[in-house]
Structures are given as C-alpha cells and as structure tokens.
Amino acid sequence: MTYSSDFRRKVLSVSEKEGLTIAETASRFCVGVASVVRWLKHPEPKMSRNKPATKIDMKALARDVLAHPDAYQYERERRLGVNEKGVGHALLFLPPYSPDLNPIEQKWAQTKAIRKQLFCSIDALFKIEPFYVA
C-alpha cells in the first residue's frame, strides 16, 4: 500500500518536531520502520512501476468471447497473450440466472395467462392462438 505524500510529510514533520526516533515514529503512526526509513530517503512516492503496463485489447477479448463462449480463462489467456489476472479483471461476469430478465420466460408467462383465461391445454392453445416473437 502506498501512503499519500501529505501523510508522509506529516509523519516526518512530527518526528522532527518532537525529536522521535525512527522506531518511535513508526509505532506512533502504526507504520513499519522500513517505511519511515524509506520516507526519510525519498519523501515522495514513486509514480512509475518497474514493469510495463499490460492492457488487454477489449475488442479482441469480445471477439474471443463470441468465438469461444465456453472457454476457460486459461485458454483465453493463451490466445490473447496476457497473464492470468488480466483476463479475470477484464471479463464481466453475469449475475446468477434470473427468469425476470429472460425474454422467453416472459413469453411463457404471457402464454400461461392466456391459457388460464381460455381454460384449455397447451396443445389446444397453440392451435388456437398464433404465436410470434415480438
């Protein structure tokens, strides 16, 4: 975790003002001794990483999901050339199944309502009522 630069400055100023040792400063602010030592050398946090940022091409990921909807994540990782966490963070997982969101379930609810009104079987209903997909 990176502490903000204003927190670092506050810790160092209190340490200097009150004449605290590094260990006393660390225990007072509940931070590690190594962190306080590092802040004394470099008060500002690093703004760059040691490795290049890797981005997933979202269009390629979308094409891969369409082409291979049942693929495991490790298979997608191999095809897209990314690490194991990258695909997991980029994929949008669907919520658990909900019949309220499924259009076919809504159509069946309409069909059952018509069937109750007409007091007939499903087979008779399909012969009477022309069904279409709206």
N, C-alpha and C. Protein backbone atom coordinates (compact mmCIF):
# COMPACT_ATOMS: atom_id res chain seq x y z
N MET A 1 0.84 -1.17 0.00
CA MET A 1 0.00 0.00 0.00
C MET A 1 0.89 1.24 0.00
N THR A 2 0.54 2.22 -0.79
CA THR A 2 1.30 3.46 -0.85
C THR A 2 0.60 4.51 -0.01
N TYR A 3 1.34 5.11 0.89
CA TYR A 3 0.80 6.19 1.69
C TYR A 3 0.90 7.49 0.91
N SER A 4 -0.05 8.38 1.11
CA SER A 4 -0.05 9.65 0.38
C SER A 4 1.13 10.51 0.80
N SER A 5 1.49 11.44 -0.07
CA SER A 5 2.65 12.29 0.21
C SER A 5 2.37 13.24 1.37
N ASP A 6 1.12 13.70 1.55
CA ASP A 6 0.84 14.58 2.68
C ASP A 6 0.94 13.84 4.01
N PHE A 7 0.55 12.56 4.04
CA PHE A 7 0.70 11.76 5.26
C PHE A 7 2.18 11.55 5.57
N ARG A 8 2.96 11.28 4.54
CA ARG A 8 4.40 11.09 4.73
C ARG A 8 5.04 12.35 5.31
N ARG A 9 4.69 13.50 4.72
CA ARG A 9 5.26 14.77 5.22
C ARG A 9 4.85 15.03 6.67
N LYS A 10 3.59 14.72 6.99
CA LYS A 10 3.10 14.91 8.36
C LYS A 10 3.88 14.04 9.35
N VAL A 11 4.07 12.77 8.99
CA VAL A 11 4.82 11.85 9.86
C VAL A 11 6.24 12.36 10.07
N LEU A 12 6.90 12.77 8.99
CA LEU A 12 8.29 13.24 9.10
C LEU A 12 8.38 14.55 9.87
N SER A 13 7.40 15.44 9.69
CA SER A 13 7.45 16.72 10.42
C SER A 13 7.22 16.51 11.92
N VAL A 14 6.29 15.63 12.29
CA VAL A 14 6.06 15.33 13.71
C VAL A 14 7.30 14.67 14.31
N SER A 15 7.92 13.78 13.56
CA SER A 15 9.12 13.10 14.04
C SER A 15 10.24 14.10 14.29
N GLU A 16 10.39 15.05 13.38
CA GLU A 16 11.45 16.05 13.51
C GLU A 16 11.14 17.04 14.64
N LYS A 17 9.86 17.45 14.72
CA LYS A 17 9.45 18.43 15.72
C LYS A 17 9.59 17.90 17.14
N GLU A 18 9.20 16.65 17.34
CA GLU A 18 9.22 16.07 18.68
C GLU A 18 10.50 15.30 18.98
N GLY A 19 11.38 15.19 18.00
CA GLY A 19 12.66 14.51 18.21
C GLY A 19 12.50 13.01 18.44
N LEU A 20 11.58 12.38 17.73
CA LEU A 20 11.33 10.95 17.89
C LEU A 20 12.34 10.14 17.09
N THR A 21 12.64 8.96 17.59
CA THR A 21 13.48 8.04 16.82
C THR A 21 12.62 7.42 15.72
N ILE A 22 13.27 6.70 14.83
CA ILE A 22 12.54 6.06 13.73
C ILE A 22 11.56 5.03 14.27
N ALA A 23 11.99 4.24 15.24
CA ALA A 23 11.11 3.21 15.82
C ALA A 23 9.92 3.85 16.54
N GLU A 24 10.16 4.94 17.28
CA GLU A 24 9.07 5.62 17.97
C GLU A 24 8.08 6.23 16.98
N THR A 25 8.60 6.79 15.92
CA THR A 25 7.73 7.36 14.88
C THR A 25 6.88 6.28 14.24
N ALA A 26 7.50 5.17 13.94
CA ALA A 26 6.77 4.07 13.30
C ALA A 26 5.67 3.54 14.20
N SER A 27 5.96 3.37 15.49
CA SER A 27 4.93 2.84 16.40
C SER A 27 3.84 3.88 16.66
N ARG A 28 4.18 5.15 16.69
CA ARG A 28 3.17 6.19 16.93
C ARG A 28 2.17 6.27 15.79
N PHE A 29 2.64 6.15 14.55
CA PHE A 29 1.75 6.27 13.39
C PHE A 29 1.33 4.92 12.83
N CYS A 30 1.69 3.85 13.51
CA CYS A 30 1.30 2.49 13.10
C CYS A 30 1.73 2.17 11.67
N VAL A 31 2.96 2.49 11.37
CA VAL A 31 3.55 2.13 10.08
C VAL A 31 4.82 1.36 10.35
N GLY A 32 5.37 0.75 9.34
CA GLY A 32 6.58 -0.03 9.51
C GLY A 32 7.82 0.85 9.62
N VAL A 33 8.81 0.32 10.32
CA VAL A 33 10.08 1.03 10.46
C VAL A 33 10.73 1.23 9.10
N ALA A 34 10.64 0.20 8.26
CA ALA A 34 11.23 0.30 6.92
C ALA A 34 10.56 1.41 6.11
N SER A 35 9.26 1.61 6.32
CA SER A 35 8.56 2.68 5.60
C SER A 35 9.09 4.04 6.01
N VAL A 36 9.29 4.25 7.31
CA VAL A 36 9.80 5.54 7.79
C VAL A 36 11.21 5.78 7.25
N VAL A 37 12.04 4.76 7.26
CA VAL A 37 13.40 4.89 6.72
C VAL A 37 13.35 5.25 5.24
N ARG A 38 12.48 4.58 4.50
CA ARG A 38 12.33 4.86 3.07
C ARG A 38 11.84 6.29 2.84
N TRP A 39 10.92 6.76 3.69
CA TRP A 39 10.39 8.12 3.55
C TRP A 39 11.46 9.16 3.85
N LEU A 40 12.37 8.85 4.76
CA LEU A 40 13.46 9.78 5.04
C LEU A 40 14.36 9.95 3.82
N LYS A 41 14.56 8.86 3.08
CA LYS A 41 15.41 8.92 1.88
C LYS A 41 14.66 9.53 0.70
N HIS A 42 13.40 9.11 0.51
CA HIS A 42 12.58 9.56 -0.62
C HIS A 42 11.19 9.91 -0.10
N PRO A 43 10.95 11.18 0.25
CA PRO A 43 9.66 11.54 0.85
C PRO A 43 8.47 11.41 -0.11
N GLU A 44 8.69 11.55 -1.38
CA GLU A 44 7.59 11.45 -2.35
C GLU A 44 7.46 10.02 -2.86
N PRO A 45 6.23 9.53 -3.04
CA PRO A 45 6.06 8.16 -3.56
C PRO A 45 6.46 8.07 -5.02
N LYS A 46 6.88 6.88 -5.43
CA LYS A 46 7.23 6.65 -6.82
C LYS A 46 5.97 6.71 -7.67
N MET A 47 6.10 7.29 -8.82
CA MET A 47 4.94 7.39 -9.71
C MET A 47 5.03 6.42 -10.89
N SER A 48 6.08 5.62 -10.94
CA SER A 48 6.21 4.68 -12.05
C SER A 48 6.44 3.28 -11.50
N ARG A 49 6.11 2.32 -12.35
CA ARG A 49 6.30 0.92 -11.98
C ARG A 49 7.58 0.40 -12.60
N ASN A 50 8.06 -0.72 -12.09
CA ASN A 50 9.27 -1.33 -12.63
C ASN A 50 9.00 -2.17 -13.86
N LYS A 51 7.74 -2.42 -14.14
CA LYS A 51 7.41 -3.23 -15.31
C LYS A 51 6.39 -2.47 -16.16
N PRO A 52 6.35 -2.75 -17.44
CA PRO A 52 5.41 -2.03 -18.30
C PRO A 52 3.97 -2.45 -18.02
N ALA A 53 3.07 -1.52 -18.21
CA ALA A 53 1.65 -1.82 -18.02
C ALA A 53 1.17 -2.70 -19.16
N THR A 54 0.35 -3.66 -18.84
CA THR A 54 -0.21 -4.53 -19.86
C THR A 54 -1.70 -4.28 -19.94
N LYS A 55 -2.15 -4.03 -21.14
CA LYS A 55 -3.57 -3.81 -21.35
C LYS A 55 -4.10 -4.89 -22.26
N ILE A 56 -5.31 -5.26 -22.01
CA ILE A 56 -5.97 -6.25 -22.86
C ILE A 56 -6.74 -5.50 -23.93
N ASP A 57 -6.60 -5.95 -25.14
CA ASP A 57 -7.38 -5.39 -26.23
C ASP A 57 -8.82 -5.85 -26.05
N MET A 58 -9.69 -4.92 -25.66
CA MET A 58 -11.07 -5.29 -25.33
C MET A 58 -11.83 -5.81 -26.54
N LYS A 59 -11.49 -5.30 -27.73
CA LYS A 59 -12.17 -5.80 -28.94
C LYS A 59 -11.76 -7.25 -29.21
N ALA A 60 -10.48 -7.54 -29.02
CA ALA A 60 -10.02 -8.92 -29.20
C ALA A 60 -10.65 -9.83 -28.16
N LEU A 61 -10.79 -9.34 -26.94
CA LEU A 61 -11.44 -10.13 -25.90
C LEU A 61 -12.90 -10.39 -26.24
N ALA A 62 -13.60 -9.37 -26.75
CA ALA A 62 -15.01 -9.55 -27.13
C ALA A 62 -15.13 -10.55 -28.27
N ARG A 63 -14.23 -10.47 -29.25
CA ARG A 63 -14.26 -11.44 -30.36
C ARG A 63 -14.00 -12.85 -29.84
N ASP A 64 -13.07 -12.97 -28.91
CA ASP A 64 -12.74 -14.28 -28.35
C ASP A 64 -13.92 -14.86 -27.57
N VAL A 65 -14.62 -14.01 -26.83
CA VAL A 65 -15.78 -14.48 -26.07
C VAL A 65 -16.88 -14.94 -27.02
N LEU A 66 -17.07 -14.20 -28.11
CA LEU A 66 -18.09 -14.61 -29.09
C LEU A 66 -17.69 -15.90 -29.80
N ALA A 67 -16.42 -16.02 -30.12
CA ALA A 67 -15.96 -17.21 -30.84
C ALA A 67 -15.90 -18.44 -29.93
N HIS A 68 -15.54 -18.24 -28.68
CA HIS A 68 -15.38 -19.35 -27.73
C HIS A 68 -16.12 -19.02 -26.43
N PRO A 69 -17.45 -19.08 -26.41
CA PRO A 69 -18.18 -18.66 -25.21
C PRO A 69 -17.95 -19.55 -23.99
N ASP A 70 -17.62 -20.81 -24.20
CA ASP A 70 -17.46 -21.73 -23.08
C ASP A 70 -16.00 -21.98 -22.71
N ALA A 71 -15.10 -21.16 -23.21
CA ALA A 71 -13.68 -21.38 -22.97
C ALA A 71 -13.31 -21.05 -21.53
N TYR A 72 -12.32 -21.76 -21.03
CA TYR A 72 -11.79 -21.47 -19.71
C TYR A 72 -10.91 -20.23 -19.80
N GLN A 73 -10.69 -19.58 -18.65
CA GLN A 73 -9.89 -18.36 -18.66
C GLN A 73 -8.45 -18.63 -19.09
N TYR A 74 -7.89 -19.76 -18.69
CA TYR A 74 -6.50 -20.02 -19.08
C TYR A 74 -6.38 -20.18 -20.59
N GLU A 75 -7.44 -20.65 -21.26
CA GLU A 75 -7.42 -20.75 -22.72
C GLU A 75 -7.45 -19.36 -23.34
N ARG A 76 -8.26 -18.47 -22.79
CA ARG A 76 -8.30 -17.08 -23.28
C ARG A 76 -6.94 -16.40 -23.06
N GLU A 77 -6.33 -16.66 -21.91
CA GLU A 77 -5.03 -16.07 -21.62
C GLU A 77 -4.01 -16.45 -22.68
N ARG A 78 -4.02 -17.73 -23.06
CA ARG A 78 -3.07 -18.19 -24.08
C ARG A 78 -3.35 -17.53 -25.42
N ARG A 79 -4.62 -17.45 -25.80
CA ARG A 79 -4.96 -16.86 -27.10
C ARG A 79 -4.67 -15.36 -27.15
N LEU A 80 -4.90 -14.65 -26.03
CA LEU A 80 -4.71 -13.20 -26.02
C LEU A 80 -3.30 -12.80 -25.60
N GLY A 81 -2.54 -13.74 -25.05
CA GLY A 81 -1.17 -13.45 -24.65
C GLY A 81 -1.06 -12.54 -23.43
N VAL A 82 -1.92 -12.75 -22.44
CA VAL A 82 -1.88 -11.95 -21.21
C VAL A 82 -1.73 -12.87 -20.01
N ASN A 83 -1.53 -12.26 -18.84
CA ASN A 83 -1.38 -13.08 -17.64
C ASN A 83 -2.73 -13.52 -17.10
N GLU A 84 -2.69 -14.36 -16.08
CA GLU A 84 -3.92 -14.97 -15.58
C GLU A 84 -4.87 -13.98 -14.93
N LYS A 85 -4.36 -12.94 -14.31
CA LYS A 85 -5.24 -11.98 -13.66
C LYS A 85 -5.86 -11.02 -14.65
N GLY A 86 -5.18 -10.77 -15.74
CA GLY A 86 -5.66 -9.79 -16.70
C GLY A 86 -7.02 -10.12 -17.28
N VAL A 87 -7.21 -11.35 -17.68
CA VAL A 87 -8.49 -11.75 -18.27
C VAL A 87 -9.58 -11.73 -17.22
N GLY A 88 -9.27 -12.18 -16.03
CA GLY A 88 -10.27 -12.20 -14.97
C GLY A 88 -10.77 -10.81 -14.61
N HIS A 89 -9.88 -9.82 -14.65
CA HIS A 89 -10.29 -8.46 -14.32
C HIS A 89 -11.05 -7.82 -15.47
N ALA A 90 -10.77 -8.22 -16.69
CA ALA A 90 -11.40 -7.59 -17.84
C ALA A 90 -12.76 -8.17 -18.16
N LEU A 91 -12.98 -9.44 -17.82
CA LEU A 91 -14.26 -10.06 -18.14
C LEU A 91 -15.35 -9.57 -17.21
N LEU A 92 -16.52 -9.38 -17.77
CA LEU A 92 -17.68 -9.01 -16.98
C LEU A 92 -18.47 -10.27 -16.72
N PHE A 93 -18.58 -10.64 -15.47
CA PHE A 93 -19.30 -11.85 -15.15
C PHE A 93 -20.78 -11.55 -15.02
N LEU A 94 -21.59 -12.44 -15.54
CA LEU A 94 -23.03 -12.26 -15.49
C LEU A 94 -23.55 -12.62 -14.11
N PRO A 95 -24.65 -11.99 -13.70
CA PRO A 95 -25.23 -12.34 -12.41
C PRO A 95 -25.85 -13.72 -12.48
N PRO A 96 -26.23 -14.29 -11.35
CA PRO A 96 -26.92 -15.57 -11.38
C PRO A 96 -28.18 -15.48 -12.23
N TYR A 97 -28.61 -16.61 -12.73
CA TYR A 97 -29.76 -16.64 -13.64
C TYR A 97 -30.99 -16.03 -12.98
N SER A 98 -31.66 -15.17 -13.72
CA SER A 98 -32.89 -14.57 -13.23
C SER A 98 -33.96 -14.71 -14.30
N PRO A 99 -35.05 -15.41 -14.03
CA PRO A 99 -36.10 -15.57 -15.04
C PRO A 99 -36.76 -14.25 -15.41
N ASP A 100 -36.68 -13.26 -14.55
CA ASP A 100 -37.28 -11.96 -14.86
C ASP A 100 -36.56 -11.28 -16.02
N LEU A 101 -35.29 -11.59 -16.22
CA LEU A 101 -34.51 -10.95 -17.28
C LEU A 101 -34.52 -11.74 -18.58
N ASN A 102 -35.04 -12.94 -18.57
CA ASN A 102 -35.02 -13.79 -19.76
C ASN A 102 -36.30 -13.58 -20.56
N PRO A 103 -36.21 -13.15 -21.83
CA PRO A 103 -37.41 -12.87 -22.61
C PRO A 103 -38.30 -14.09 -22.83
N ILE A 104 -37.72 -15.28 -22.94
CA ILE A 104 -38.55 -16.47 -23.18
C ILE A 104 -39.42 -16.77 -21.96
N GLU A 105 -38.90 -16.48 -20.78
CA GLU A 105 -39.70 -16.69 -19.57
C GLU A 105 -40.88 -15.73 -19.53
N GLN A 106 -40.67 -14.51 -20.02
CA GLN A 106 -41.78 -13.55 -20.08
C GLN A 106 -42.84 -14.01 -21.07
N LYS A 107 -42.40 -14.57 -22.20
CA LYS A 107 -43.35 -15.09 -23.19
C LYS A 107 -44.15 -16.25 -22.61
N TRP A 108 -43.47 -17.13 -21.87
CA TRP A 108 -44.19 -18.25 -21.26
C TRP A 108 -45.18 -17.76 -20.21
N ALA A 109 -44.85 -16.71 -19.50
CA ALA A 109 -45.79 -16.14 -18.53
C ALA A 109 -47.03 -15.62 -19.23
N GLN A 110 -46.84 -14.97 -20.39
CA GLN A 110 -48.00 -14.50 -21.17
C GLN A 110 -48.83 -15.68 -21.66
N THR A 111 -48.15 -16.72 -22.13
CA THR A 111 -48.85 -17.90 -22.64
C THR A 111 -49.68 -18.56 -21.53
N LYS A 112 -49.09 -18.67 -20.35
CA LYS A 112 -49.82 -19.29 -19.24
C LYS A 112 -51.02 -18.44 -18.83
N ALA A 113 -50.88 -17.11 -18.90
CA ALA A 113 -52.01 -16.24 -18.56
C ALA A 113 -53.15 -16.41 -19.55
N ILE A 114 -52.81 -16.49 -20.85
CA ILE A 114 -53.85 -16.70 -21.88
C ILE A 114 -54.50 -18.06 -21.67
N ARG A 115 -53.70 -19.05 -21.36
CA ARG A 115 -54.23 -20.40 -21.14
C ARG A 115 -55.22 -20.43 -19.97
N LYS A 116 -54.90 -19.69 -18.91
CA LYS A 116 -55.81 -19.63 -17.77
C LYS A 116 -57.12 -18.94 -18.15
N GLN A 117 -57.03 -17.91 -19.01
CA GLN A 117 -58.24 -17.21 -19.44
C GLN A 117 -59.13 -18.10 -20.30
N LEU A 118 -58.52 -18.88 -21.18
CA LEU A 118 -59.28 -19.71 -22.12
C LEU A 118 -59.62 -21.09 -21.55
N PHE A 119 -59.06 -21.46 -20.42
CA PHE A 119 -59.29 -22.77 -19.79
C PHE A 119 -59.03 -23.91 -20.77
N CYS A 120 -57.84 -23.94 -21.37
CA CYS A 120 -57.53 -25.01 -22.31
C CYS A 120 -56.12 -25.53 -22.06
N SER A 121 -55.79 -26.63 -22.75
CA SER A 121 -54.45 -27.20 -22.60
C SER A 121 -53.46 -26.42 -23.46
N ILE A 122 -52.19 -26.70 -23.26
CA ILE A 122 -51.14 -26.03 -24.04
C ILE A 122 -51.28 -26.38 -25.52
N ASP A 123 -51.53 -27.66 -25.82
CA ASP A 123 -51.66 -28.07 -27.22
C ASP A 123 -52.82 -27.34 -27.89
N ALA A 124 -53.94 -27.25 -27.21
CA ALA A 124 -55.09 -26.55 -27.78
C ALA A 124 -54.79 -25.07 -27.94
N LEU A 125 -54.05 -24.52 -27.01
CA LEU A 125 -53.70 -23.11 -27.08
C LEU A 125 -52.84 -22.81 -28.31
N PHE A 126 -51.89 -23.69 -28.61
CA PHE A 126 -51.05 -23.47 -29.79
C PHE A 126 -51.84 -23.60 -31.08
N LYS A 127 -52.90 -24.38 -31.07
CA LYS A 127 -53.74 -24.49 -32.26
C LYS A 127 -54.63 -23.26 -32.42
N ILE A 128 -55.07 -22.69 -31.30
CA ILE A 128 -55.99 -21.54 -31.35
C ILE A 128 -55.23 -20.25 -31.61
N GLU A 129 -54.25 -19.98 -30.81
CA GLU A 129 -53.57 -18.69 -30.79
C GLU A 129 -52.30 -18.73 -31.64
N PRO A 130 -52.19 -17.83 -32.64
CA PRO A 130 -50.92 -17.76 -33.40
C PRO A 130 -49.87 -17.03 -32.56
N PHE A 131 -48.75 -17.69 -32.33
CA PHE A 131 -47.70 -17.09 -31.52
C PHE A 131 -46.59 -16.56 -32.40
N TYR A 132 -46.02 -15.48 -31.97
CA TYR A 132 -44.91 -14.87 -32.68
C TYR A 132 -43.95 -14.28 -31.66
N VAL A 133 -42.75 -14.03 -32.11
CA VAL A 133 -41.74 -13.43 -31.24
C VAL A 133 -41.76 -11.94 -31.46
N ALA A 134 -41.99 -11.19 -30.42
CA ALA A 134 -42.07 -9.72 -30.54
C ALA A 134 -40.72 -9.10 -30.34
